[in-house]
Every structure is written in C-alpha cells, then in structure tokens.
Amino acid sequence: MPYIIAIAVLLLIPYLIYASIIKKRNQVNETFSGIDVQLVKRHDLIPNIVAAAKKFMDHESELFNDITALRTQAVESHNLKDAKGIKATLDTEAALSSKLSQLMVNVENYPTLKSDQTMIEVQKALMDVEENISAARRFYNSAVRNLNDTIQVWPMSLIAKYVNVEPYPFFEAKETEKATPDVSKLMA
C-alpha cells in the first residue's frame, strides 16, 4: 500500500506542475487578447487619422504609406498566438506606434489640421485607445512574468521544455519612448 501512495504522489507532482504551466500560459494568452482588442480598435482608427491628415498634409505621403503598410502588417500578424507570433506582433505594433507618434508630432505643424474637428475627435479616440493599451500591457507583462518565472525554475523548466512552452516576450517601450523629451525642440 505505501508503494501505491508513493507512485501516486510521484505521478501527481509532474501533473500539477504541468497544469500550473499550462494555466499560466493560458493566462498570458488571455491577457494578450485584451491588448489585441485595443490594437484592433487602433487599427480601425488609422484610416480615419490618415484620411483627416491627408486633407492638410501634402508633403507627408511617405509617412502615410509607411503607416498604411505597417497597419496591414499588424492586422496580418494578429493571427499568431504563440510566443514567436506575439513577439512579431509586438515588434510590428512598436513600429506602428512610432510612425503614429511621428504623424501626431507633424500634425502640430499644421494649425488648420490641429483645429479640425474630425482630427480632434480622432486624436481623442486614439489617446483613449492608447491608454487602454497601456493598461492591458501592464496585465500582460504581469502574466508573462509569472509564466516566465515558473518555466525557468527547476524542476518546472524540465516539464516546460518537455511540453514545448517557451518564455513569452514582454511588451516593452522602445528606447525612443523612454527618452526624456527635449523641451527646446518642442518650443521651436
């Protein structure tokens, strides 16, 4: 009888570790879907932003083309839900964020566009979506930290490797977003 209990315990421990890893991976995927919802909203706003800005910004066609191409790439990358697919999505979204920021800075150089009611509404909607993305990013990063901590500690790392669960990437700010703004450039 003691042998049966010992064997049951030896079988139960790996199963509990496996179940914990899978639950944490599912939590990461769930929290990423929260980001995904907000990113889709942002993707839906981009044509409106470009259309409103194009009316006033004749010399920014390259920027509009870049934004449109990145939006298309971002929409396509949202079908991949594993660690590598999420990494590709996050990289594409970072590039798209950078171009959108560049566009918003350029809008400041066009007083008529800056005061256009459509552009004001689209910018407000974009700011709301960006705030929601930021909140969702915090939940996602917390879930990623929990999963990555779990699968990188022995003996859980052995089971994670066996069931092919890899560390997920964090949703991080790019270096340009971390930099302190140069106020003298903003005042010019």
N, C-alpha and C. Protein backbone atom coordinates (compact mmCIF):
# COMPACT_ATOMS: atom_id res chain seq x y z
N MET A 1 0.81 -1.20 0.00
CA MET A 1 0.00 0.00 0.00
C MET A 1 0.86 1.27 0.00
N PRO A 2 1.93 1.36 0.79
CA PRO A 2 2.76 2.57 0.77
C PRO A 2 3.39 2.81 -0.60
N TYR A 3 3.65 1.70 -1.33
CA TYR A 3 4.23 1.87 -2.67
C TYR A 3 3.25 2.52 -3.63
N ILE A 4 2.02 2.16 -3.48
CA ILE A 4 0.98 2.73 -4.35
C ILE A 4 0.84 4.22 -4.08
N ILE A 5 0.88 4.61 -2.82
CA ILE A 5 0.78 6.03 -2.46
C ILE A 5 2.00 6.78 -2.97
N ALA A 6 3.17 6.20 -2.84
CA ALA A 6 4.40 6.85 -3.32
C ALA A 6 4.38 7.02 -4.84
N ILE A 7 3.92 6.02 -5.55
CA ILE A 7 3.82 6.10 -7.01
C ILE A 7 2.79 7.16 -7.41
N ALA A 8 1.67 7.17 -6.70
CA ALA A 8 0.63 8.17 -6.99
C ALA A 8 1.16 9.58 -6.78
N VAL A 9 1.90 9.80 -5.71
CA VAL A 9 2.49 11.11 -5.43
C VAL A 9 3.50 11.48 -6.51
N LEU A 10 4.33 10.52 -6.90
CA LEU A 10 5.34 10.78 -7.95
C LEU A 10 4.70 11.11 -9.29
N LEU A 11 3.55 10.54 -9.55
CA LEU A 11 2.83 10.87 -10.79
C LEU A 11 2.06 12.18 -10.67
N LEU A 12 1.57 12.45 -9.49
CA LEU A 12 0.76 13.64 -9.27
C LEU A 12 1.58 14.92 -9.35
N ILE A 13 2.79 14.91 -8.82
CA ILE A 13 3.62 16.12 -8.80
C ILE A 13 3.91 16.64 -10.21
N PRO A 14 4.38 15.82 -11.14
CA PRO A 14 4.60 16.35 -12.51
C PRO A 14 3.31 16.86 -13.15
N TYR A 15 2.20 16.16 -12.88
CA TYR A 15 0.93 16.61 -13.44
C TYR A 15 0.56 17.99 -12.90
N LEU A 16 0.73 18.22 -11.61
CA LEU A 16 0.40 19.52 -11.02
C LEU A 16 1.30 20.62 -11.57
N ILE A 17 2.56 20.30 -11.77
CA ILE A 17 3.48 21.27 -12.37
C ILE A 17 3.04 21.58 -13.80
N TYR A 18 2.73 20.53 -14.55
CA TYR A 18 2.26 20.70 -15.94
C TYR A 18 1.00 21.57 -15.97
N ALA A 19 0.06 21.25 -15.10
CA ALA A 19 -1.20 22.01 -15.07
C ALA A 19 -0.94 23.48 -14.73
N SER A 20 -0.03 23.74 -13.82
CA SER A 20 0.31 25.11 -13.45
C SER A 20 0.91 25.87 -14.63
N ILE A 21 1.81 25.22 -15.34
CA ILE A 21 2.44 25.86 -16.51
C ILE A 21 1.40 26.18 -17.57
N ILE A 22 0.52 25.24 -17.86
CA ILE A 22 -0.50 25.44 -18.90
C ILE A 22 -1.47 26.55 -18.48
N LYS A 23 -1.86 26.58 -17.22
CA LYS A 23 -2.75 27.65 -16.74
C LYS A 23 -2.11 29.02 -16.91
N LYS A 24 -0.82 29.11 -16.59
CA LYS A 24 -0.12 30.39 -16.71
C LYS A 24 0.05 30.78 -18.17
N ARG A 25 0.31 29.82 -19.04
CA ARG A 25 0.41 30.12 -20.47
C ARG A 25 -0.95 30.61 -20.99
N ASN A 26 -2.01 29.97 -20.57
CA ASN A 26 -3.35 30.40 -20.98
C ASN A 26 -3.68 31.79 -20.46
N GLN A 27 -3.20 32.11 -19.27
CA GLN A 27 -3.41 33.45 -18.72
C GLN A 27 -2.67 34.50 -19.55
N VAL A 28 -1.46 34.18 -20.00
CA VAL A 28 -0.72 35.09 -20.88
C VAL A 28 -1.51 35.31 -22.16
N ASN A 29 -2.00 34.23 -22.76
CA ASN A 29 -2.78 34.37 -23.99
C ASN A 29 -4.05 35.18 -23.77
N GLU A 30 -4.69 34.98 -22.62
CA GLU A 30 -5.90 35.75 -22.30
C GLU A 30 -5.58 37.23 -22.15
N THR A 31 -4.50 37.55 -21.45
CA THR A 31 -4.17 38.96 -21.27
C THR A 31 -3.71 39.58 -22.57
N PHE A 32 -3.05 38.80 -23.43
CA PHE A 32 -2.67 39.35 -24.73
C PHE A 32 -3.92 39.65 -25.56
N SER A 33 -4.95 38.84 -25.41
CA SER A 33 -6.18 39.12 -26.17
C SER A 33 -6.79 40.46 -25.75
N GLY A 34 -6.56 40.87 -24.49
CA GLY A 34 -7.01 42.20 -24.05
C GLY A 34 -6.26 43.30 -24.79
N ILE A 35 -4.97 43.09 -25.00
CA ILE A 35 -4.19 44.04 -25.80
C ILE A 35 -4.67 44.00 -27.24
N ASP A 36 -4.90 42.80 -27.73
CA ASP A 36 -5.31 42.60 -29.12
C ASP A 36 -6.59 43.37 -29.45
N VAL A 37 -7.54 43.35 -28.53
CA VAL A 37 -8.81 44.07 -28.74
C VAL A 37 -8.52 45.56 -28.93
N GLN A 38 -7.66 46.10 -28.08
CA GLN A 38 -7.34 47.53 -28.18
C GLN A 38 -6.54 47.83 -29.45
N LEU A 39 -5.66 46.92 -29.83
CA LEU A 39 -4.89 47.14 -31.05
C LEU A 39 -5.79 47.13 -32.28
N VAL A 40 -6.80 46.28 -32.27
CA VAL A 40 -7.76 46.26 -33.38
C VAL A 40 -8.50 47.60 -33.45
N LYS A 41 -8.88 48.14 -32.28
CA LYS A 41 -9.53 49.46 -32.26
C LYS A 41 -8.60 50.52 -32.85
N ARG A 42 -7.31 50.43 -32.49
CA ARG A 42 -6.35 51.40 -33.03
C ARG A 42 -6.22 51.21 -34.53
N HIS A 43 -6.16 49.98 -34.99
CA HIS A 43 -6.07 49.72 -36.43
C HIS A 43 -7.28 50.30 -37.17
N ASP A 44 -8.45 50.21 -36.54
CA ASP A 44 -9.66 50.76 -37.16
C ASP A 44 -9.64 52.28 -37.22
N LEU A 45 -8.93 52.93 -36.29
CA LEU A 45 -8.83 54.39 -36.28
C LEU A 45 -7.84 54.92 -37.32
N ILE A 46 -6.85 54.13 -37.66
CA ILE A 46 -5.77 54.60 -38.52
C ILE A 46 -6.27 55.13 -39.87
N PRO A 47 -7.17 54.45 -40.57
CA PRO A 47 -7.65 55.04 -41.84
C PRO A 47 -8.30 56.41 -41.64
N ASN A 48 -8.99 56.61 -40.52
CA ASN A 48 -9.61 57.91 -40.24
C ASN A 48 -8.56 58.98 -39.98
N ILE A 49 -7.52 58.60 -39.25
CA ILE A 49 -6.43 59.54 -38.97
C ILE A 49 -5.75 59.95 -40.27
N VAL A 50 -5.42 58.96 -41.08
CA VAL A 50 -4.73 59.23 -42.35
C VAL A 50 -5.61 60.08 -43.26
N ALA A 51 -6.90 59.73 -43.34
CA ALA A 51 -7.80 60.49 -44.21
C ALA A 51 -7.93 61.95 -43.75
N ALA A 52 -8.06 62.15 -42.45
CA ALA A 52 -8.19 63.52 -41.93
C ALA A 52 -6.90 64.30 -42.16
N ALA A 53 -5.77 63.67 -41.95
CA ALA A 53 -4.48 64.36 -42.10
C ALA A 53 -4.13 64.62 -43.56
N LYS A 54 -4.48 63.71 -44.44
CA LYS A 54 -4.14 63.85 -45.86
C LYS A 54 -4.73 65.12 -46.47
N LYS A 55 -5.88 65.55 -45.95
CA LYS A 55 -6.51 66.76 -46.47
C LYS A 55 -5.62 67.98 -46.33
N PHE A 56 -4.77 67.96 -45.30
CA PHE A 56 -3.98 69.15 -44.98
C PHE A 56 -2.48 68.96 -45.18
N MET A 57 -2.02 67.74 -45.16
CA MET A 57 -0.58 67.47 -45.16
C MET A 57 -0.15 66.89 -46.51
N ASP A 58 0.16 67.77 -47.44
CA ASP A 58 0.52 67.33 -48.79
C ASP A 58 1.88 66.64 -48.85
N HIS A 59 2.80 67.01 -47.99
CA HIS A 59 4.19 66.56 -48.11
C HIS A 59 4.51 65.35 -47.25
N GLU A 60 3.52 64.66 -46.75
CA GLU A 60 3.76 63.54 -45.84
C GLU A 60 3.34 62.20 -46.44
N SER A 61 3.36 62.08 -47.76
CA SER A 61 2.87 60.85 -48.40
C SER A 61 3.69 59.63 -47.99
N GLU A 62 5.00 59.77 -47.80
CA GLU A 62 5.83 58.63 -47.40
C GLU A 62 5.41 58.13 -46.01
N LEU A 63 5.15 59.06 -45.12
CA LEU A 63 4.70 58.69 -43.77
C LEU A 63 3.35 57.99 -43.83
N PHE A 64 2.42 58.50 -44.64
CA PHE A 64 1.12 57.85 -44.78
C PHE A 64 1.27 56.44 -45.35
N ASN A 65 2.14 56.28 -46.34
CA ASN A 65 2.37 54.96 -46.92
C ASN A 65 2.96 54.00 -45.89
N ASP A 66 3.91 54.50 -45.09
CA ASP A 66 4.52 53.66 -44.04
C ASP A 66 3.46 53.22 -43.03
N ILE A 67 2.63 54.14 -42.61
CA ILE A 67 1.59 53.83 -41.63
C ILE A 67 0.61 52.80 -42.20
N THR A 68 0.21 53.00 -43.44
CA THR A 68 -0.73 52.07 -44.07
C THR A 68 -0.12 50.68 -44.20
N ALA A 69 1.14 50.61 -44.61
CA ALA A 69 1.81 49.31 -44.75
C ALA A 69 1.97 48.61 -43.40
N LEU A 70 2.36 49.37 -42.37
CA LEU A 70 2.51 48.78 -41.04
C LEU A 70 1.16 48.34 -40.47
N ARG A 71 0.11 49.09 -40.75
CA ARG A 71 -1.22 48.69 -40.28
C ARG A 71 -1.61 47.36 -40.90
N THR A 72 -1.38 47.21 -42.21
CA THR A 72 -1.68 45.96 -42.90
C THR A 72 -0.88 44.80 -42.30
N GLN A 73 0.41 45.04 -42.08
CA GLN A 73 1.27 44.02 -41.49
C GLN A 73 0.81 43.67 -40.07
N ALA A 74 0.40 44.66 -39.31
CA ALA A 74 -0.06 44.43 -37.94
C ALA A 74 -1.35 43.62 -37.91
N VAL A 75 -2.26 43.93 -38.79
CA VAL A 75 -3.52 43.18 -38.86
C VAL A 75 -3.24 41.72 -39.18
N GLU A 76 -2.33 41.48 -40.11
CA GLU A 76 -2.00 40.11 -40.51
C GLU A 76 -1.28 39.34 -39.40
N SER A 77 -0.49 40.02 -38.60
CA SER A 77 0.30 39.33 -37.57
C SER A 77 -0.52 38.92 -36.36
N HIS A 78 -1.74 39.38 -36.25
CA HIS A 78 -2.55 39.08 -35.07
C HIS A 78 -3.11 37.67 -35.06
N ASN A 79 -2.85 36.89 -36.10
CA ASN A 79 -3.35 35.52 -36.15
C ASN A 79 -2.43 34.55 -35.41
N LEU A 80 -1.21 34.98 -35.08
CA LEU A 80 -0.23 34.10 -34.45
C LEU A 80 -0.27 34.30 -32.94
N LYS A 81 -0.54 33.25 -32.18
CA LYS A 81 -0.74 33.40 -30.74
C LYS A 81 0.32 32.70 -29.89
N ASP A 82 1.38 32.17 -30.50
CA ASP A 82 2.44 31.58 -29.68
C ASP A 82 3.46 32.66 -29.34
N ALA A 83 4.50 32.30 -28.61
CA ALA A 83 5.49 33.29 -28.16
C ALA A 83 6.13 34.02 -29.33
N LYS A 84 6.49 33.29 -30.38
CA LYS A 84 7.13 33.93 -31.55
C LYS A 84 6.16 34.84 -32.29
N GLY A 85 4.91 34.41 -32.41
CA GLY A 85 3.90 35.23 -33.07
C GLY A 85 3.60 36.50 -32.30
N ILE A 86 3.54 36.37 -30.98
CA ILE A 86 3.30 37.55 -30.15
C ILE A 86 4.48 38.50 -30.26
N LYS A 87 5.70 37.97 -30.30
CA LYS A 87 6.90 38.82 -30.45
C LYS A 87 6.82 39.59 -31.77
N ALA A 88 6.44 38.91 -32.85
CA ALA A 88 6.31 39.58 -34.15
C ALA A 88 5.24 40.66 -34.10
N THR A 89 4.13 40.36 -33.45
CA THR A 89 3.05 41.34 -33.31
C THR A 89 3.52 42.56 -32.52
N LEU A 90 4.21 42.31 -31.41
CA LEU A 90 4.68 43.42 -30.58
C LEU A 90 5.69 44.29 -31.33
N ASP A 91 6.57 43.67 -32.12
CA ASP A 91 7.54 44.44 -32.90
C ASP A 91 6.85 45.30 -33.96
N THR A 92 5.88 44.72 -34.64
CA THR A 92 5.15 45.47 -35.67
C THR A 92 4.37 46.61 -35.03
N GLU A 93 3.74 46.34 -33.89
CA GLU A 93 2.97 47.38 -33.20
C GLU A 93 3.87 48.50 -32.70
N ALA A 94 5.08 48.16 -32.28
CA ALA A 94 6.03 49.20 -31.83
C ALA A 94 6.39 50.11 -33.01
N ALA A 95 6.64 49.52 -34.17
CA ALA A 95 6.95 50.33 -35.36
C ALA A 95 5.76 51.20 -35.74
N LEU A 96 4.56 50.64 -35.66
CA LEU A 96 3.35 51.39 -35.97
C LEU A 96 3.15 52.53 -34.98
N SER A 97 3.38 52.27 -33.70
CA SER A 97 3.26 53.32 -32.68
C SER A 97 4.23 54.46 -32.96
N SER A 98 5.43 54.10 -33.36
CA SER A 98 6.45 55.11 -33.66
C SER A 98 6.00 56.00 -34.83
N LYS A 99 5.48 55.39 -35.86
CA LYS A 99 5.02 56.17 -37.03
C LYS A 99 3.80 57.01 -36.68
N LEU A 100 2.89 56.48 -35.86
CA LEU A 100 1.73 57.27 -35.44
C LEU A 100 2.16 58.46 -34.60
N SER A 101 3.14 58.24 -33.73
CA SER A 101 3.67 59.35 -32.93
C SER A 101 4.28 60.41 -33.83
N GLN A 102 5.01 59.96 -34.83
CA GLN A 102 5.62 60.89 -35.79
C GLN A 102 4.54 61.69 -36.50
N LEU A 103 3.46 61.04 -36.87
CA LEU A 103 2.35 61.73 -37.53
C LEU A 103 1.73 62.77 -36.60
N MET A 104 1.52 62.39 -35.33
CA MET A 104 0.91 63.32 -34.38
C MET A 104 1.81 64.53 -34.13
N VAL A 105 3.11 64.33 -34.12
CA VAL A 105 4.04 65.45 -33.99
C VAL A 105 3.94 66.35 -35.22
N ASN A 106 3.86 65.75 -36.39
CA ASN A 106 3.75 66.52 -37.62
C ASN A 106 2.44 67.31 -37.70
N VAL A 107 1.39 66.76 -37.10
CA VAL A 107 0.10 67.46 -37.08
C VAL A 107 0.24 68.82 -36.41
N GLU A 108 1.12 68.91 -35.43
CA GLU A 108 1.33 70.16 -34.71
C GLU A 108 1.83 71.27 -35.63
N ASN A 109 2.45 70.91 -36.74
CA ASN A 109 2.97 71.90 -37.69
C ASN A 109 1.89 72.44 -38.64
N TYR A 110 0.68 71.93 -38.52
CA TYR A 110 -0.41 72.35 -39.40
C TYR A 110 -1.56 72.88 -38.54
N PRO A 111 -1.59 74.18 -38.26
CA PRO A 111 -2.61 74.74 -37.36
C PRO A 111 -4.04 74.46 -37.82
N THR A 112 -4.26 74.47 -39.12
CA THR A 112 -5.62 74.22 -39.61
C THR A 112 -6.04 72.79 -39.31
N LEU A 113 -5.11 71.85 -39.51
CA LEU A 113 -5.39 70.45 -39.23
C LEU A 113 -5.57 70.23 -37.72
N LYS A 114 -4.72 70.87 -36.94
CA LYS A 114 -4.75 70.72 -35.49
C LYS A 114 -6.10 71.17 -34.93
N SER A 115 -6.74 72.13 -35.59
CA SER A 115 -8.02 72.64 -35.09
C SER A 115 -9.22 72.02 -35.81
N ASP A 116 -8.97 71.13 -36.77
CA ASP A 116 -10.05 70.46 -37.50
C ASP A 116 -10.82 69.53 -36.54
N GLN A 117 -12.13 69.65 -36.52
CA GLN A 117 -12.96 68.90 -35.57
C GLN A 117 -12.80 67.39 -35.76
N THR A 118 -12.75 66.92 -36.98
CA THR A 118 -12.58 65.49 -37.24
C THR A 118 -11.26 65.00 -36.66
N MET A 119 -10.19 65.78 -36.89
CA MET A 119 -8.87 65.39 -36.39
C MET A 119 -8.86 65.41 -34.86
N ILE A 120 -9.51 66.37 -34.26
CA ILE A 120 -9.57 66.44 -32.80
C ILE A 120 -10.26 65.20 -32.24
N GLU A 121 -11.37 64.81 -32.85
CA GLU A 121 -12.11 63.62 -32.39
C GLU A 121 -11.29 62.35 -32.57
N VAL A 122 -10.62 62.23 -33.71
CA VAL A 122 -9.81 61.04 -33.98
C VAL A 122 -8.62 60.98 -33.01
N GLN A 123 -8.00 62.12 -32.74
CA GLN A 123 -6.89 62.14 -31.79
C GLN A 123 -7.35 61.76 -30.39
N LYS A 124 -8.52 62.24 -29.99
CA LYS A 124 -9.06 61.90 -28.67
C LYS A 124 -9.34 60.40 -28.60
N ALA A 125 -9.93 59.84 -29.63
CA ALA A 125 -10.20 58.40 -29.66
C ALA A 125 -8.89 57.61 -29.61
N LEU A 126 -7.89 58.07 -30.33
CA LEU A 126 -6.59 57.40 -30.33
C LEU A 126 -5.95 57.46 -28.94
N MET A 127 -6.05 58.60 -28.28
CA MET A 127 -5.50 58.72 -26.92
C MET A 127 -6.20 57.76 -25.96
N ASP A 128 -7.51 57.61 -26.09
CA ASP A 128 -8.26 56.68 -25.24
C ASP A 128 -7.79 55.24 -25.49
N VAL A 129 -7.63 54.88 -26.75
CA VAL A 129 -7.18 53.53 -27.09
C VAL A 129 -5.77 53.30 -26.57
N GLU A 130 -4.89 54.29 -26.71
CA GLU A 130 -3.51 54.15 -26.23
C GLU A 130 -3.48 53.96 -24.71
N GLU A 131 -4.35 54.65 -23.99
CA GLU A 131 -4.44 54.46 -22.53
C GLU A 131 -4.90 53.04 -22.20
N ASN A 132 -5.87 52.54 -22.96
CA ASN A 132 -6.34 51.18 -22.74
C ASN A 132 -5.26 50.15 -23.08
N ILE A 133 -4.49 50.42 -24.13
CA ILE A 133 -3.38 49.53 -24.48
C ILE A 133 -2.36 49.51 -23.35
N SER A 134 -2.08 50.67 -22.79
CA SER A 134 -1.13 50.77 -21.69
C SER A 134 -1.59 49.95 -20.48
N ALA A 135 -2.86 50.03 -20.15
CA ALA A 135 -3.39 49.26 -19.02
C ALA A 135 -3.33 47.76 -19.32
N ALA A 136 -3.72 47.38 -20.52
CA ALA A 136 -3.69 45.96 -20.91
C ALA A 136 -2.25 45.45 -20.94
N ARG A 137 -1.32 46.31 -21.33
CA ARG A 137 0.10 45.92 -21.37
C ARG A 137 0.59 45.57 -19.97
N ARG A 138 0.16 46.33 -18.96
CA ARG A 138 0.58 46.03 -17.59
C ARG A 138 0.09 44.64 -17.15
N PHE A 139 -1.17 44.31 -17.46
CA PHE A 139 -1.71 42.99 -17.11
C PHE A 139 -0.95 41.88 -17.86
N TYR A 140 -0.71 42.12 -19.15
CA TYR A 140 0.02 41.14 -19.96
C TYR A 140 1.42 40.91 -19.40
N ASN A 141 2.15 41.98 -19.11
CA ASN A 141 3.51 41.84 -18.60
C ASN A 141 3.54 41.11 -17.26
N SER A 142 2.54 41.33 -16.43
CA SER A 142 2.46 40.62 -15.16
C SER A 142 2.26 39.12 -15.40
N ALA A 143 1.37 38.78 -16.32
CA ALA A 143 1.14 37.36 -16.63
C ALA A 143 2.38 36.73 -17.26
N VAL A 144 3.08 37.47 -18.11
CA VAL A 144 4.31 36.96 -18.73
C VAL A 144 5.37 36.72 -17.65
N ARG A 145 5.50 37.65 -16.73
CA ARG A 145 6.49 37.47 -15.65
C ARG A 145 6.18 36.21 -14.85
N ASN A 146 4.91 36.00 -14.52
CA ASN A 146 4.53 34.81 -13.76
C ASN A 146 4.85 33.53 -14.54
N LEU A 147 4.53 33.50 -15.81
CA LEU A 147 4.82 32.32 -16.63
C LEU A 147 6.32 32.11 -16.76
N ASN A 148 7.03 33.16 -17.14
CA ASN A 148 8.47 33.03 -17.35
C ASN A 148 9.19 32.63 -16.07
N ASP A 149 8.80 33.19 -14.94
CA ASP A 149 9.40 32.78 -13.66
C ASP A 149 9.17 31.29 -13.41
N THR A 150 7.97 30.84 -13.70
CA THR A 150 7.63 29.44 -13.46
C THR A 150 8.44 28.50 -14.35
N ILE A 151 8.52 28.80 -15.64
CA ILE A 151 9.16 27.85 -16.56
C ILE A 151 10.68 27.95 -16.58
N GLN A 152 11.24 28.88 -15.86
CA GLN A 152 12.69 28.99 -15.84
C GLN A 152 13.30 28.44 -14.55
N VAL A 153 12.48 27.91 -13.66
CA VAL A 153 12.95 27.37 -12.39
C VAL A 153 12.85 25.85 -12.43
N TRP A 154 13.92 25.20 -12.01
CA TRP A 154 13.94 23.75 -11.96
C TRP A 154 13.05 23.26 -10.84
N PRO A 155 12.27 22.26 -10.93
CA PRO A 155 12.13 21.26 -11.99
C PRO A 155 11.09 21.62 -13.04
N MET A 156 10.42 22.77 -12.83
CA MET A 156 9.37 23.17 -13.77
C MET A 156 9.94 23.41 -15.17
N SER A 157 11.19 23.84 -15.23
CA SER A 157 11.81 24.08 -16.53
C SER A 157 11.91 22.81 -17.35
N LEU A 158 12.10 21.66 -16.70
CA LEU A 158 12.17 20.39 -17.41
C LEU A 158 10.83 20.05 -18.04
N ILE A 159 9.78 20.23 -17.28
CA ILE A 159 8.44 19.91 -17.79
C ILE A 159 8.05 20.92 -18.86
N ALA A 160 8.39 22.19 -18.67
CA ALA A 160 8.07 23.21 -19.68
C ALA A 160 8.77 22.90 -21.00
N LYS A 161 10.01 22.49 -20.92
CA LYS A 161 10.74 22.13 -22.13
C LYS A 161 10.12 20.91 -22.80
N TYR A 162 9.72 19.95 -21.98
CA TYR A 162 9.11 18.71 -22.50
C TYR A 162 7.80 18.99 -23.22
N VAL A 163 7.00 19.93 -22.70
CA VAL A 163 5.71 20.25 -23.33
C VAL A 163 5.82 21.45 -24.27
N ASN A 164 7.07 21.88 -24.52
CA ASN A 164 7.35 22.92 -25.51
C ASN A 164 6.72 24.28 -25.17
N VAL A 165 6.83 24.69 -23.92
CA VAL A 165 6.37 26.02 -23.51
C VAL A 165 7.61 26.89 -23.38
N GLU A 166 7.68 27.92 -24.19
CA GLU A 166 8.82 28.83 -24.20
C GLU A 166 8.48 30.12 -23.48
N PRO A 167 9.52 30.86 -23.05
CA PRO A 167 9.24 32.17 -22.44
C PRO A 167 8.56 33.10 -23.45
N TYR A 168 7.67 33.91 -22.96
CA TYR A 168 6.97 34.89 -23.79
C TYR A 168 7.68 36.23 -23.67
N PRO A 169 7.58 37.06 -24.72
CA PRO A 169 8.23 38.38 -24.66
C PRO A 169 7.40 39.37 -23.86
N PHE A 170 8.08 40.30 -23.22
CA PHE A 170 7.39 41.40 -22.55
C PHE A 170 7.01 42.44 -23.58
N PHE A 171 5.95 43.17 -23.31
CA PHE A 171 5.54 44.29 -24.14
C PHE A 171 6.26 45.49 -23.55
N GLU A 172 7.37 45.88 -24.18
CA GLU A 172 8.23 46.93 -23.64
C GLU A 172 8.17 48.19 -24.48
N ALA A 173 8.44 49.30 -23.81
CA ALA A 173 8.56 50.57 -24.51
C ALA A 173 9.89 50.57 -25.27
N LYS A 174 9.88 51.14 -26.44
CA LYS A 174 11.10 51.27 -27.23
C LYS A 174 11.94 52.39 -26.65
N GLU A 175 13.21 52.40 -27.01
CA GLU A 175 14.14 53.41 -26.48
C GLU A 175 13.67 54.83 -26.77
N THR A 176 13.05 55.05 -27.93
CA THR A 176 12.58 56.40 -28.26
C THR A 176 11.46 56.84 -27.33
N GLU A 177 10.66 55.89 -26.84
CA GLU A 177 9.58 56.22 -25.91
C GLU A 177 10.12 56.47 -24.51
N LYS A 178 11.27 55.85 -24.18
CA LYS A 178 11.85 56.00 -22.85
C LYS A 178 12.64 57.30 -22.71
N ALA A 179 13.07 57.86 -23.84
CA ALA A 179 13.93 59.04 -23.80
C ALA A 179 13.18 60.25 -23.25
N THR A 180 13.89 61.08 -22.52
CA THR A 180 13.32 62.32 -22.00
C THR A 180 13.18 63.31 -23.14
N PRO A 181 11.99 63.89 -23.31
CA PRO A 181 11.81 64.80 -24.44
C PRO A 181 12.67 66.06 -24.28
N ASP A 182 13.15 66.55 -25.41
CA ASP A 182 13.94 67.78 -25.43
C ASP A 182 12.96 68.94 -25.57
N VAL A 183 12.71 69.64 -24.47
CA VAL A 183 11.71 70.71 -24.44
C VAL A 183 12.08 71.83 -25.41
N SER A 184 13.35 72.09 -25.61
CA SER A 184 13.75 73.17 -26.52
C SER A 184 13.26 72.89 -27.94
N LYS A 185 13.22 71.61 -28.33
CA LYS A 185 12.72 71.27 -29.67
C LYS A 185 11.21 71.48 -29.75
N LEU A 186 10.53 71.22 -28.65
CA LEU A 186 9.08 71.38 -28.64
C LEU A 186 8.67 72.85 -28.69
N MET A 187 9.51 73.72 -28.15
CA MET A 187 9.19 75.14 -28.09
C MET A 187 9.53 75.85 -29.40
N ALA A 188 10.28 75.22 -30.27
CA ALA A 188 10.72 75.88 -31.52
C ALA A 188 9.59 76.06 -32.49
